[in-house]
Amino acid sequence: RDGSKVVSSSRDLTIRLWNVDTEQCDGLFRMPGIEAVAVHFSMSGRKIVSESRLKKLHIWDTKTLRRLPWNASKRYKLHLPSTNSKVGPLVFDSDAHESI
Protein backbone atom coordinates (compact mmCIF):
# COMPACT_ATOMS: atom_id res chain seq x y z
CA ARG A 1 0.00 0.00 0.00
CA ASP A 2 3.00 2.32 0.23
CA GLY A 3 3.68 2.26 -3.52
CA SER A 4 7.00 0.42 -3.22
CA LYS A 5 5.68 -2.76 -4.91
CA VAL A 6 3.84 -3.54 -8.13
CA VAL A 7 2.23 -6.84 -9.06
CA SER A 8 1.89 -8.15 -12.62
CA SER A 9 0.58 -11.25 -14.35
CA SER A 10 1.77 -12.84 -17.57
CA ARG A 11 0.70 -15.37 -20.18
CA ASP A 12 3.53 -17.63 -18.99
CA LEU A 13 1.29 -18.47 -15.97
CA THR A 14 3.33 -16.37 -13.53
CA ILE A 15 2.59 -13.50 -11.22
CA ARG A 16 5.51 -11.26 -10.36
CA LEU A 17 6.04 -8.97 -7.40
CA TRP A 18 8.22 -6.00 -8.43
CA ASN A 19 10.24 -3.58 -6.31
CA VAL A 20 9.60 -0.09 -7.72
CA ASP A 21 12.87 1.37 -6.38
CA THR A 22 15.22 -1.35 -7.67
CA GLU A 23 13.10 -2.37 -10.69
CA GLN A 24 13.82 -5.99 -9.72
CA CYS A 25 11.45 -8.93 -9.32
CA ASP A 26 11.13 -9.66 -5.59
CA GLY A 27 8.79 -12.61 -5.95
CA LEU A 28 7.50 -15.12 -8.47
CA PHE A 29 4.22 -17.01 -8.11
CA ARG A 30 3.16 -19.80 -10.48
CA MET A 31 -0.50 -20.10 -11.37
CA PRO A 32 -1.89 -23.66 -11.29
CA GLY A 33 -2.33 -24.40 -15.00
CA ILE A 34 -4.02 -21.23 -16.26
CA GLU A 35 -3.03 -17.60 -16.52
CA ALA A 36 -4.23 -14.86 -14.22
CA VAL A 37 -6.31 -12.18 -15.93
CA ALA A 38 -6.35 -9.84 -12.93
CA VAL A 39 -4.14 -9.40 -9.84
CA HIS A 40 -4.67 -7.12 -6.86
CA PHE A 41 -2.91 -6.32 -3.60
CA SER A 42 -4.80 -6.78 -0.37
CA MET A 43 -5.54 -3.71 1.72
CA SER A 44 -2.59 -4.60 3.97
CA GLY A 45 -0.25 -5.29 1.05
CA ARG A 46 0.66 -8.67 2.59
CA LYS A 47 -1.40 -10.74 0.18
CA ILE A 48 -2.24 -10.80 -3.50
CA VAL A 49 -5.54 -12.00 -4.96
CA SER A 50 -5.44 -13.35 -8.52
CA GLU A 51 -8.31 -14.20 -10.81
CA SER A 52 -7.88 -16.89 -13.47
CA ARG A 53 -9.58 -17.13 -16.86
CA LEU A 54 -11.88 -19.70 -15.25
CA LYS A 55 -12.98 -17.03 -12.73
CA LYS A 56 -11.21 -18.81 -9.87
CA LEU A 57 -9.62 -16.67 -7.17
CA HIS A 58 -6.29 -17.52 -5.55
CA ILE A 59 -4.71 -15.86 -2.51
CA TRP A 60 -0.92 -15.48 -2.35
CA ASP A 61 1.29 -14.51 0.60
CA THR A 62 3.84 -11.83 -0.39
CA LYS A 63 6.27 -12.86 2.38
CA THR A 64 6.38 -16.64 1.84
CA LEU A 65 5.59 -16.47 -1.92
CA ARG A 66 3.13 -19.33 -1.50
CA ARG A 67 -0.48 -19.80 -2.46
CA LEU A 68 -2.71 -19.82 0.61
CA PRO A 69 -5.55 -22.29 1.11
CA TRP A 70 -9.05 -21.02 0.59
CA ASN A 71 -10.97 -21.63 3.79
CA ALA A 72 -14.54 -22.50 2.83
CA SER A 73 -15.69 -22.19 6.46
CA LYS A 74 -14.89 -18.46 6.49
CA ARG A 75 -17.12 -15.82 4.99
CA TYR A 76 -15.38 -13.60 2.49
CA LYS A 77 -16.29 -10.34 0.83
CA LEU A 78 -14.36 -9.24 -2.21
CA HIS A 79 -14.12 -5.75 -3.68
CA LEU A 80 -11.25 -5.63 -6.14
CA PRO A 81 -11.28 -2.32 -8.00
CA SER A 82 -10.69 -3.46 -11.57
CA THR A 83 -12.38 -2.78 -14.85
CA ASN A 84 -10.61 -5.88 -16.26
CA SER A 85 -12.01 -8.24 -13.64
CA LYS A 86 -14.57 -10.73 -14.95
CA VAL A 87 -15.91 -11.25 -11.44
CA GLY A 88 -16.78 -7.57 -11.02
CA PRO A 89 -15.85 -4.91 -8.49
CA LEU A 90 -14.69 -6.69 -5.40
CA VAL A 91 -12.71 -5.76 -1.30
CA PHE A 92 -11.64 -8.77 0.54
CA ASP A 93 -12.02 -9.55 4.18
CA SER A 94 -12.66 -12.62 6.22
CA ASP A 95 -14.93 -11.77 9.14
CA ALA A 96 -12.86 -10.34 11.99
CA HIS A 97 -9.63 -11.72 10.57
CA GLU A 98 -7.05 -9.70 8.67
CA SER A 99 -8.47 -7.92 5.65
CA ILE A 100 -6.84 -8.96 2.47
PDB file of N, CA and C in Angstrom:
ATOM      1  N   ARG A   1       0.811  -1.206   0.000  1.00  0.00           N
ATOM      2  CA  ARG A   1       0.000   0.000   0.000  1.00  0.00           C
ATOM      3  C   ARG A   1       0.848   1.261   0.000  1.00  0.00           C
ATOM      4  N   ASP A   2       2.150   1.126   0.188  1.00  0.00           N
ATOM      5  CA  ASP A   2       3.002   2.319   0.232  1.00  0.00           C
ATOM      6  C   ASP A   2       3.572   2.688  -1.135  1.00  0.00           C
ATOM      7  N   GLY A   3       3.214   1.950  -2.179  1.00  0.00           N
ATOM      8  CA  GLY A   3       3.678   2.263  -3.522  1.00  0.00           C
ATOM      9  C   GLY A   3       5.056   1.728  -3.858  1.00  0.00           C
ATOM     10  N   SER A   4       5.659   0.944  -2.964  1.00  0.00           N
ATOM     11  CA  SER A   4       7.002   0.423  -3.218  1.00  0.00           C
ATOM     12  C   SER A   4       6.989  -0.880  -4.014  1.00  0.00           C
ATOM     13  N   LYS A   5       5.817  -1.484  -4.186  1.00  0.00           N
ATOM     14  CA  LYS A   5       5.685  -2.759  -4.906  1.00  0.00           C
ATOM     15  C   LYS A   5       4.609  -2.640  -5.990  1.00  0.00           C
ATOM     16  N   VAL A   6       4.813  -3.414  -7.054  1.00  0.00           N
ATOM     17  CA  VAL A   6       3.842  -3.537  -8.131  1.00  0.00           C
ATOM     18  C   VAL A   6       3.684  -5.022  -8.409  1.00  0.00           C
ATOM     19  N   VAL A   7       2.471  -5.448  -8.722  1.00  0.00           N
ATOM     20  CA  VAL A   7       2.229  -6.845  -9.056  1.00  0.00           C
ATOM     21  C   VAL A   7       1.769  -6.928 -10.513  1.00  0.00           C
ATOM     22  N   SER A   8       2.267  -7.959 -11.222  1.00  0.00           N
ATOM     23  CA  SER A   8       1.886  -8.146 -12.624  1.00  0.00           C
ATOM     24  C   SER A   8       1.611  -9.615 -12.889  1.00  0.00           C
ATOM     25  N   SER A   9       0.817  -9.878 -13.922  1.00  0.00           N
ATOM     26  CA  SER A   9       0.581 -11.253 -14.346  1.00  0.00           C
ATOM     27  C   SER A   9       0.987 -11.369 -15.809  1.00  0.00           C
ATOM     28  N   SER A  10       1.259 -12.613 -16.232  1.00  0.00           N
ATOM     29  CA  SER A  10       1.772 -12.839 -17.575  1.00  0.00           C
ATOM     30  C   SER A  10       1.160 -14.093 -18.181  1.00  0.00           C
ATOM     31  N   ARG A  11       1.214 -14.189 -19.490  1.00  0.00           N
ATOM     32  CA  ARG A  11       0.703 -15.374 -20.182  1.00  0.00           C
ATOM     33  C   ARG A  11       1.526 -16.625 -19.905  1.00  0.00           C
ATOM     34  N   ASP A  12       2.708 -16.454 -19.328  1.00  0.00           N
ATOM     35  CA  ASP A  12       3.530 -17.632 -18.988  1.00  0.00           C
ATOM     36  C   ASP A  12       3.101 -18.270 -17.661  1.00  0.00           C
ATOM     37  N   LEU A  13       1.911 -17.920 -17.181  1.00  0.00           N
ATOM     38  CA  LEU A  13       1.293 -18.472 -15.966  1.00  0.00           C
ATOM     39  C   LEU A  13       1.988 -18.022 -14.688  1.00  0.00           C
ATOM     40  N   THR A  14       2.669 -16.890 -14.731  1.00  0.00           N
ATOM     41  CA  THR A  14       3.329 -16.373 -13.532  1.00  0.00           C
ATOM     42  C   THR A  14       2.722 -15.049 -13.099  1.00  0.00           C
ATOM     43  N   ILE A  15       2.893 -14.793 -11.819  1.00  0.00           N
ATOM     44  CA  ILE A  15       2.588 -13.497 -11.216  1.00  0.00           C
ATOM     45  C   ILE A  15       3.899 -13.029 -10.617  1.00  0.00           C
ATOM     46  N   ARG A  16       4.246 -11.780 -10.872  1.00  0.00           N
ATOM     47  CA  ARG A  16       5.513 -11.257 -10.363  1.00  0.00           C
ATOM     48  C   ARG A  16       5.261 -10.076  -9.437  1.00  0.00           C
ATOM     49  N   LEU A  17       6.054 -10.050  -8.366  1.00  0.00           N
ATOM     50  CA  LEU A  17       6.038  -8.966  -7.398  1.00  0.00           C
ATOM     51  C   LEU A  17       7.288  -8.125  -7.651  1.00  0.00           C
ATOM     52  N   TRP A  18       7.112  -6.872  -8.033  1.00  0.00           N
ATOM     53  CA  TRP A  18       8.220  -5.999  -8.425  1.00  0.00           C
ATOM     54  C   TRP A  18       8.505  -4.949  -7.375  1.00  0.00           C
ATOM     55  N   ASN A  19       9.786  -4.666  -7.176  1.00  0.00           N
ATOM     56  CA  ASN A  19      10.235  -3.583  -6.313  1.00  0.00           C
ATOM     57  C   ASN A  19      10.365  -2.339  -7.194  1.00  0.00           C
ATOM     58  N   VAL A  20       9.606  -1.306  -6.899  1.00  0.00           N
ATOM     59  CA  VAL A  20       9.596  -0.092  -7.720  1.00  0.00           C
ATOM     60  C   VAL A  20      10.952   0.610  -7.682  1.00  0.00           C
ATOM     61  N   ASP A  21      11.592   0.655  -6.516  1.00  0.00           N
ATOM     62  CA  ASP A  21      12.866   1.368  -6.379  1.00  0.00           C
ATOM     63  C   ASP A  21      14.001   0.697  -7.139  1.00  0.00           C
ATOM     64  N   THR A  22      14.099  -0.630  -7.035  1.00  0.00           N
ATOM     65  CA  THR A  22      15.216  -1.347  -7.668  1.00  0.00           C
ATOM     66  C   THR A  22      14.875  -1.860  -9.068  1.00  0.00           C
ATOM     67  N   GLU A  23      13.589  -1.837  -9.416  1.00  0.00           N
ATOM     68  CA  GLU A  23      13.100  -2.372 -10.689  1.00  0.00           C
ATOM     69  C   GLU A  23      13.419  -3.852 -10.850  1.00  0.00           C
ATOM     70  N   GLN A  24      13.518  -4.558  -9.736  1.00  0.00           N
ATOM     71  CA  GLN A  24      13.817  -5.987  -9.715  1.00  0.00           C
ATOM     72  C   GLN A  24      12.580  -6.778  -9.290  1.00  0.00           C
ATOM     73  N   CYS A  25      12.520  -8.027  -9.738  1.00  0.00           N
ATOM     74  CA  CYS A  25      11.453  -8.927  -9.322  1.00  0.00           C
ATOM     75  C   CYS A  25      11.790  -9.468  -7.939  1.00  0.00           C
ATOM     76  N   ASP A  26      10.935  -9.195  -6.968  1.00  0.00           N
ATOM     77  CA  ASP A  26      11.135  -9.664  -5.594  1.00  0.00           C
ATOM     78  C   ASP A  26      10.425 -10.983  -5.312  1.00  0.00           C
ATOM     79  N   GLY A  27       9.532 -11.382  -6.199  1.00  0.00           N
ATOM     80  CA  GLY A  27       8.792 -12.612  -5.952  1.00  0.00           C
ATOM     81  C   GLY A  27       8.160 -13.139  -7.215  1.00  0.00           C
ATOM     82  N   LEU A  28       8.088 -14.459  -7.315  1.00  0.00           N
ATOM     83  CA  LEU A  28       7.500 -15.125  -8.465  1.00  0.00           C
ATOM     84  C   LEU A  28       6.493 -16.153  -7.965  1.00  0.00           C
ATOM     85  N   PHE A  29       5.281 -16.070  -8.457  1.00  0.00           N
ATOM     86  CA  PHE A  29       4.217 -17.007  -8.113  1.00  0.00           C
ATOM     87  C   PHE A  29       3.822 -17.733  -9.388  1.00  0.00           C
ATOM     88  N   ARG A  30       3.571 -19.023  -9.306  1.00  0.00           N
ATOM     89  CA  ARG A  30       3.162 -19.798 -10.477  1.00  0.00           C
ATOM     90  C   ARG A  30       1.689 -20.185 -10.359  1.00  0.00           C
ATOM     91  N   MET A  31       0.920 -19.761 -11.344  1.00  0.00           N
ATOM     92  CA  MET A  31      -0.497 -20.101 -11.374  1.00  0.00           C
ATOM     93  C   MET A  31      -0.656 -21.597 -11.666  1.00  0.00           C
ATOM     94  N   PRO A  32      -1.684 -22.218 -11.096  1.00  0.00           N
ATOM     95  CA  PRO A  32      -1.893 -23.658 -11.295  1.00  0.00           C
ATOM     96  C   PRO A  32      -2.582 -23.973 -12.626  1.00  0.00           C
ATOM     97  N   GLY A  33      -1.827 -23.939 -13.721  1.00  0.00           N
ATOM     98  CA  GLY A  33      -2.327 -24.404 -15.001  1.00  0.00           C
ATOM     99  C   GLY A  33      -3.054 -23.417 -15.895  1.00  0.00           C
ATOM    100  N   ILE A  34      -3.322 -22.212 -15.433  1.00  0.00           N
ATOM    101  CA  ILE A  34      -4.022 -21.233 -16.265  1.00  0.00           C
ATOM    102  C   ILE A  34      -3.583 -19.835 -15.860  1.00  0.00           C
ATOM    103  N   GLU A  35      -3.546 -18.926 -16.823  1.00  0.00           N
ATOM    104  CA  GLU A  35      -3.027 -17.596 -16.525  1.00  0.00           C
ATOM    105  C   GLU A  35      -3.998 -16.752 -15.699  1.00  0.00           C
ATOM    106  N   ALA A  36      -3.432 -15.824 -14.970  1.00  0.00           N
ATOM    107  CA  ALA A  36      -4.226 -14.858 -14.220  1.00  0.00           C
ATOM    108  C   ALA A  36      -4.606 -13.711 -15.151  1.00  0.00           C
ATOM    109  N   VAL A  37      -5.857 -13.303 -15.100  1.00  0.00           N
ATOM    110  CA  VAL A  37      -6.308 -12.184 -15.925  1.00  0.00           C
ATOM    111  C   VAL A  37      -6.395 -10.894 -15.122  1.00  0.00           C
ATOM    112  N   ALA A  38      -6.334 -11.020 -13.793  1.00  0.00           N
ATOM    113  CA  ALA A  38      -6.346  -9.838 -12.925  1.00  0.00           C
ATOM    114  C   ALA A  38      -5.610 -10.179 -11.633  1.00  0.00           C
ATOM    115  N   VAL A  39      -4.829  -9.231 -11.118  1.00  0.00           N
ATOM    116  CA  VAL A  39      -4.141  -9.398  -9.840  1.00  0.00           C
ATOM    117  C   VAL A  39      -4.289  -8.110  -9.042  1.00  0.00           C
ATOM    118  N   HIS A  40      -4.435  -8.263  -7.724  1.00  0.00           N
ATOM    119  CA  HIS A  40      -4.666  -7.124  -6.857  1.00  0.00           C
ATOM    120  C   HIS A  40      -3.977  -7.340  -5.512  1.00  0.00           C
ATOM    121  N   PHE A  41      -3.432  -6.275  -4.960  1.00  0.00           N
ATOM    122  CA  PHE A  41      -2.913  -6.325  -3.602  1.00  0.00           C
ATOM    123  C   PHE A  41      -4.065  -6.277  -2.616  1.00  0.00           C
ATOM    124  N   SER A  42      -3.858  -6.917  -1.466  1.00  0.00           N
ATOM    125  CA  SER A  42      -4.800  -6.780  -0.369  1.00  0.00           C
ATOM    126  C   SER A  42      -4.663  -5.382   0.220  1.00  0.00           C
ATOM    127  N   MET A  43      -5.590  -5.025   1.073  1.00  0.00           N
ATOM    128  CA  MET A  43      -5.536  -3.710   1.718  1.00  0.00           C
ATOM    129  C   MET A  43      -4.267  -3.559   2.543  1.00  0.00           C
ATOM    130  N   SER A  44      -3.798  -4.649   3.145  1.00  0.00           N
ATOM    131  CA  SER A  44      -2.591  -4.604   3.975  1.00  0.00           C
ATOM    132  C   SER A  44      -1.314  -4.660   3.135  1.00  0.00           C
ATOM    133  N   GLY A  45      -1.420  -5.115   1.884  1.00  0.00           N
ATOM    134  CA  GLY A  45      -0.248  -5.294   1.049  1.00  0.00           C
ATOM    135  C   GLY A  45       0.490  -6.600   1.304  1.00  0.00           C
ATOM    136  N   ARG A  46      -0.017  -7.412   2.234  1.00  0.00           N
ATOM    137  CA  ARG A  46       0.658  -8.669   2.585  1.00  0.00           C
ATOM    138  C   ARG A  46       0.189  -9.849   1.760  1.00  0.00           C
ATOM    139  N   LYS A  47      -0.878  -9.660   1.011  1.00  0.00           N
ATOM    140  CA  LYS A  47      -1.403 -10.736   0.184  1.00  0.00           C
ATOM    141  C   LYS A  47      -1.760 -10.188  -1.198  1.00  0.00           C
ATOM    142  N   ILE A  48      -1.818 -11.112  -2.146  1.00  0.00           N
ATOM    143  CA  ILE A  48      -2.243 -10.800  -3.505  1.00  0.00           C
ATOM    144  C   ILE A  48      -3.410 -11.720  -3.825  1.00  0.00           C
ATOM    145  N   VAL A  49      -4.419 -11.191  -4.477  1.00  0.00           N
ATOM    146  CA  VAL A  49      -5.540 -11.996  -4.960  1.00  0.00           C
ATOM    147  C   VAL A  49      -5.432 -12.021  -6.475  1.00  0.00           C
ATOM    148  N   SER A  50      -5.468 -13.217  -7.059  1.00  0.00           N
ATOM    149  CA  SER A  50      -5.436 -13.346  -8.516  1.00  0.00           C
ATOM    150  C   SER A  50      -6.728 -14.005  -8.980  1.00  0.00           C
ATOM    151  N   GLU A  51      -7.122 -13.630 -10.185  1.00  0.00           N
ATOM    152  CA  GLU A  51      -8.314 -14.201 -10.807  1.00  0.00           C
ATOM    153  C   GLU A  51      -7.882 -14.891 -12.095  1.00  0.00           C
ATOM    154  N   SER A  52      -8.258 -16.145 -12.260  1.00  0.00           N
ATOM    155  CA  SER A  52      -7.879 -16.886 -13.470  1.00  0.00           C
ATOM    156  C   SER A  52      -8.936 -16.703 -14.548  1.00  0.00           C
ATOM    157  N   ARG A  53      -8.611 -17.169 -15.748  1.00  0.00           N
ATOM    158  CA  ARG A  53      -9.576 -17.131 -16.859  1.00  0.00           C
ATOM    159  C   ARG A  53     -10.841 -17.924 -16.535  1.00  0.00           C
ATOM    160  N   LEU A  54     -10.723 -18.899 -15.649  1.00  0.00           N
ATOM    161  CA  LEU A  54     -11.878 -19.702 -15.252  1.00  0.00           C
ATOM    162  C   LEU A  54     -12.657 -19.069 -14.106  1.00  0.00           C
ATOM    163  N   LYS A  55     -12.328 -17.808 -13.797  1.00  0.00           N
ATOM    164  CA  LYS A  55     -12.977 -17.029 -12.733  1.00  0.00           C
ATOM    165  C   LYS A  55     -12.727 -17.604 -11.343  1.00  0.00           C
ATOM    166  N   LYS A  56     -11.602 -18.315 -11.182  1.00  0.00           N
ATOM    167  CA  LYS A  56     -11.206 -18.808  -9.866  1.00  0.00           C
ATOM    168  C   LYS A  56     -10.289 -17.788  -9.223  1.00  0.00           C
ATOM    169  N   LEU A  57     -10.460 -17.593  -7.926  1.00  0.00           N
ATOM    170  CA  LEU A  57      -9.618 -16.675  -7.172  1.00  0.00           C
ATOM    171  C   LEU A  57      -8.582 -17.460  -6.381  1.00  0.00           C
ATOM    172  N   HIS A  58      -7.366 -16.926  -6.335  1.00  0.00           N
ATOM    173  CA  HIS A  58      -6.286 -17.515  -5.548  1.00  0.00           C
ATOM    174  C   HIS A  58      -5.709 -16.422  -4.671  1.00  0.00           C
ATOM    175  N   ILE A  59      -5.312 -16.802  -3.459  1.00  0.00           N
ATOM    176  CA  ILE A  59      -4.711 -15.861  -2.510  1.00  0.00           C
ATOM    177  C   ILE A  59      -3.249 -16.250  -2.345  1.00  0.00           C
ATOM    178  N   TRP A  60      -2.359 -15.257  -2.426  1.00  0.00           N
ATOM    179  CA  TRP A  60      -0.916 -15.483  -2.348  1.00  0.00           C
ATOM    180  C   TRP A  60      -0.337 -14.648  -1.223  1.00  0.00           C
ATOM    181  N   ASP A  61       0.604 -15.215  -0.481  1.00  0.00           N
ATOM    182  CA  ASP A  61       1.293 -14.511   0.597  1.00  0.00           C
ATOM    183  C   ASP A  61       2.551 -13.854   0.034  1.00  0.00           C
ATOM    184  N   THR A  62       2.696 -12.542   0.185  1.00  0.00           N
ATOM    185  CA  THR A  62       3.839 -11.827  -0.394  1.00  0.00           C
ATOM    186  C   THR A  62       5.133 -12.079   0.367  1.00  0.00           C
ATOM    187  N   LYS A  63       5.055 -12.563   1.593  1.00  0.00           N
ATOM    188  CA  LYS A  63       6.275 -12.862   2.376  1.00  0.00           C
ATOM    189  C   LYS A  63       6.819 -14.246   2.059  1.00  0.00           C
ATOM    190  N   THR A  64       5.936 -15.259   2.066  1.00  0.00           N
ATOM    191  CA  THR A  64       6.378 -16.640   1.845  1.00  0.00           C
ATOM    192  C   THR A  64       6.381 -17.021   0.362  1.00  0.00           C
ATOM    193  N   LEU A  65       5.729 -16.224  -0.480  1.00  0.00           N
ATOM    194  CA  LEU A  65       5.594 -16.468  -1.920  1.00  0.00           C
ATOM    195  C   LEU A  65       4.848 -17.768  -2.208  1.00  0.00           C
ATOM    196  N   ARG A  66       3.913 -18.103  -1.333  1.00  0.00           N
ATOM    197  CA  ARG A  66       3.126 -19.329  -1.496  1.00  0.00           C
ATOM    198  C   ARG A  66       1.643 -18.998  -1.651  1.00  0.00           C
ATOM    199  N   ARG A  67       0.962 -19.913  -2.348  1.00  0.00           N
ATOM    200  CA  ARG A  67      -0.485 -19.801  -2.461  1.00  0.00           C
ATOM    201  C   ARG A  67      -1.101 -20.249  -1.145  1.00  0.00           C
ATOM    202  N   LEU A  68      -2.068 -19.513  -0.661  1.00  0.00           N
ATOM    203  CA  LEU A  68      -2.713 -19.824   0.606  1.00  0.00           C
ATOM    204  C   LEU A  68      -3.979 -20.629   0.360  1.00  0.00           C
ATOM    205  N   PRO A  69      -4.320 -21.507   1.283  1.00  0.00           N
ATOM    206  CA  PRO A  69      -5.545 -22.288   1.111  1.00  0.00           C
ATOM    207  C   PRO A  69      -6.781 -21.407   1.255  1.00  0.00           C
ATOM    208  N   TRP A  70      -7.763 -21.703   0.499  1.00  0.00           N
ATOM    209  CA  TRP A  70      -9.048 -21.017   0.590  1.00  0.00           C
ATOM    210  C   TRP A  70      -9.842 -21.728   1.658  1.00  0.00           C
ATOM    211  N   ASN A  71     -10.245 -21.026   2.677  1.00  0.00           N
ATOM    212  CA  ASN A  71     -10.970 -21.628   3.787  1.00  0.00           C
ATOM    213  C   ASN A  71     -12.465 -21.465   3.556  1.00  0.00           C
ATOM    214  N   ALA A  72     -13.114 -22.542   3.167  1.00  0.00           N
ATOM    215  CA  ALA A  72     -14.536 -22.501   2.834  1.00  0.00           C
ATOM    216  C   ALA A  72     -15.411 -22.233   4.054  1.00  0.00           C
ATOM    217  N   SER A  73     -14.878 -22.425   5.259  1.00  0.00           N
ATOM    218  CA  SER A  73     -15.692 -22.189   6.456  1.00  0.00           C
ATOM    219  C   SER A  73     -15.739 -20.703   6.825  1.00  0.00           C
ATOM    220  N   LYS A  74     -14.868 -19.895   6.229  1.00  0.00           N
ATOM    221  CA  LYS A  74     -14.886 -18.457   6.493  1.00  0.00           C
ATOM    222  C   LYS A  74     -15.797 -17.770   5.484  1.00  0.00           C
ATOM    223  N   ARG A  75     -16.320 -16.632   5.896  1.00  0.00           N
ATOM    224  CA  ARG A  75     -17.116 -15.821   4.992  1.00  0.00           C
ATOM    225  C   ARG A  75     -16.227 -14.722   4.441  1.00  0.00           C
ATOM    226  N   TYR A  76     -16.228 -14.575   3.147  1.00  0.00           N
ATOM    227  CA  TYR A  76     -15.378 -13.597   2.485  1.00  0.00           C
ATOM    228  C   TYR A  76     -16.228 -12.578   1.743  1.00  0.00           C
ATOM    229  N   LYS A  77     -15.730 -11.372   1.691  1.00  0.00           N
ATOM    230  CA  LYS A  77     -16.294 -10.340   0.832  1.00  0.00           C
ATOM    231  C   LYS A  77     -15.157  -9.840  -0.039  1.00  0.00           C
ATOM    232  N   LEU A  78     -15.397  -9.714  -1.307  1.00  0.00           N
ATOM    233  CA  LEU A  78     -14.362  -9.238  -2.208  1.00  0.00           C
ATOM    234  C   LEU A  78     -14.798  -7.955  -2.887  1.00  0.00           C
ATOM    235  N   HIS A  79     -13.904  -7.005  -2.950  1.00  0.00           N
ATOM    236  CA  HIS A  79     -14.123  -5.753  -3.679  1.00  0.00           C
ATOM    237  C   HIS A  79     -12.805  -5.368  -4.316  1.00  0.00           C
ATOM    238  N   LEU A  80     -12.499  -5.928  -5.457  1.00  0.00           N
ATOM    239  CA  LEU A  80     -11.254  -5.630  -6.142  1.00  0.00           C
ATOM    240  C   LEU A  80     -11.554  -4.574  -7.193  1.00  0.00           C
ATOM    241  N   PRO A  81     -10.966  -3.398  -7.061  1.00  0.00           N
ATOM    242  CA  PRO A  81     -11.279  -2.319  -7.999  1.00  0.00           C
ATOM    243  C   PRO A  81     -10.595  -2.539  -9.342  1.00  0.00           C
ATOM    244  N   SER A  82     -11.292  -3.193 -10.269  1.00  0.00           N
ATOM    245  CA  SER A  82     -10.694  -3.459 -11.566  1.00  0.00           C
ATOM    246  C   SER A  82     -11.750  -3.443 -12.653  1.00  0.00           C
ATOM    247  N   THR A  83     -11.479  -2.745 -13.713  1.00  0.00           N
ATOM    248  CA  THR A  83     -12.384  -2.784 -14.852  1.00  0.00           C
ATOM    249  C   THR A  83     -12.118  -4.017 -15.695  1.00  0.00           C
ATOM    250  N   ASN A  84     -10.952  -4.671 -15.507  1.00  0.00           N
ATOM    251  CA  ASN A  84     -10.613  -5.880 -16.256  1.00  0.00           C
ATOM    252  C   ASN A  84     -11.178  -7.138 -15.622  1.00  0.00           C
ATOM    253  N   SER A  85     -11.574  -7.064 -14.372  1.00  0.00           N
ATOM    254  CA  SER A  85     -12.012  -8.240 -13.642  1.00  0.00           C
ATOM    255  C   SER A  85     -13.315  -8.781 -14.210  1.00  0.00           C
ATOM    256  N   LYS A  86     -13.355 -10.076 -14.461  1.00  0.00           N
ATOM    257  CA  LYS A  86     -14.571 -10.726 -14.954  1.00  0.00           C
ATOM    258  C   LYS A  86     -15.563 -10.960 -13.817  1.00  0.00           C
ATOM    259  N   VAL A  87     -15.054 -10.988 -12.590  1.00  0.00           N
ATOM    260  CA  VAL A  87     -15.910 -11.245 -11.435  1.00  0.00           C
ATOM    261  C   VAL A  87     -16.680  -9.991 -11.055  1.00  0.00           C
ATOM    262  N   GLY A  88     -16.142  -8.834 -11.340  1.00  0.00           N
ATOM    263  CA  GLY A  88     -16.782  -7.571 -11.019  1.00  0.00           C
ATOM    264  C   GLY A  88     -16.064  -6.861  -9.893  1.00  0.00           C
ATOM    265  N   PRO A  89     -16.522  -5.651  -9.556  1.00  0.00           N
ATOM    266  CA  PRO A  89     -15.847  -4.910  -8.490  1.00  0.00           C
ATOM    267  C   PRO A  89     -15.891  -5.704  -7.190  1.00  0.00           C
ATOM    268  N   LEU A  90     -14.761  -5.891  -6.597  1.00  0.00           N
ATOM    269  CA  LEU A  90     -14.686  -6.692  -5.402  1.00  0.00           C
ATOM    270  C   LEU A  90     -13.854  -6.041  -4.302  1.00  0.00           C
ATOM    271  N   VAL A  91     -13.739  -5.889  -2.385  1.00  0.00           N
ATOM    272  CA  VAL A  91     -12.714  -5.759  -1.303  1.00  0.00           C
ATOM    273  C   VAL A  91     -12.737  -7.087  -0.613  1.00  0.00           C
ATOM    274  N   PHE A  92     -11.720  -7.420   0.011  1.00  0.00           N
ATOM    275  CA  PHE A  92     -11.642  -8.767   0.541  1.00  0.00           C
ATOM    276  C   PHE A  92     -11.424  -8.723   2.025  1.00  0.00           C
ATOM    277  N   ASP A  93     -12.290  -9.354   2.767  1.00  0.00           N
ATOM    278  CA  ASP A  93     -12.022  -9.549   4.185  1.00  0.00           C
ATOM    279  C   ASP A  93     -12.645 -10.853   4.607  1.00  0.00           C
ATOM    280  N   SER A  94     -12.182 -11.339   5.717  1.00  0.00           N
ATOM    281  CA  SER A  94     -12.663 -12.617   6.222  1.00  0.00           C
ATOM    282  C   SER A  94     -13.100 -12.407   7.659  1.00  0.00           C
ATOM    283  N   ASP A  95     -14.364 -12.067   7.820  1.00  0.00           N
ATOM    284  CA  ASP A  95     -14.933 -11.772   9.136  1.00  0.00           C
ATOM    285  C   ASP A  95     -14.037 -10.830   9.930  1.00  0.00           C
ATOM    286  N   ALA A  96     -13.680 -11.212  11.155  1.00  0.00           N
ATOM    287  CA  ALA A  96     -12.856 -10.340  11.995  1.00  0.00           C
ATOM    288  C   ALA A  96     -11.370 -10.560  11.767  1.00  0.00           C
ATOM    289  N   HIS A  97     -11.031 -11.438  10.845  1.00  0.00           N
ATOM    290  CA  HIS A  97      -9.626 -11.723  10.567  1.00  0.00           C
ATOM    291  C   HIS A  97      -9.030 -10.609   9.719  1.00  0.00           C
ATOM    292  N   GLU A  98      -7.747 -10.717   9.448  1.00  0.00           N
ATOM    293  CA  GLU A  98      -7.054  -9.700   8.672  1.00  0.00           C
ATOM    294  C   GLU A  98      -7.735  -9.476   7.329  1.00  0.00           C
ATOM    295  N   SER A  99      -7.943  -8.236   6.972  1.00  0.00           N
ATOM    296  CA  SER A  99      -8.472  -7.922   5.650  1.00  0.00           C
ATOM    297  C   SER A  99      -7.396  -8.195   4.628  1.00  0.00           C
ATOM    298  N   ILE A 100      -7.830  -8.762   3.525  1.00  0.00           N
ATOM    299  CA  ILE A 100      -6.843  -8.955   2.467  1.00  0.00           C
ATOM    300  C   ILE A 100      -7.253  -8.277   1.195  1.00  0.00           C
TER     301      ILE A 100
END
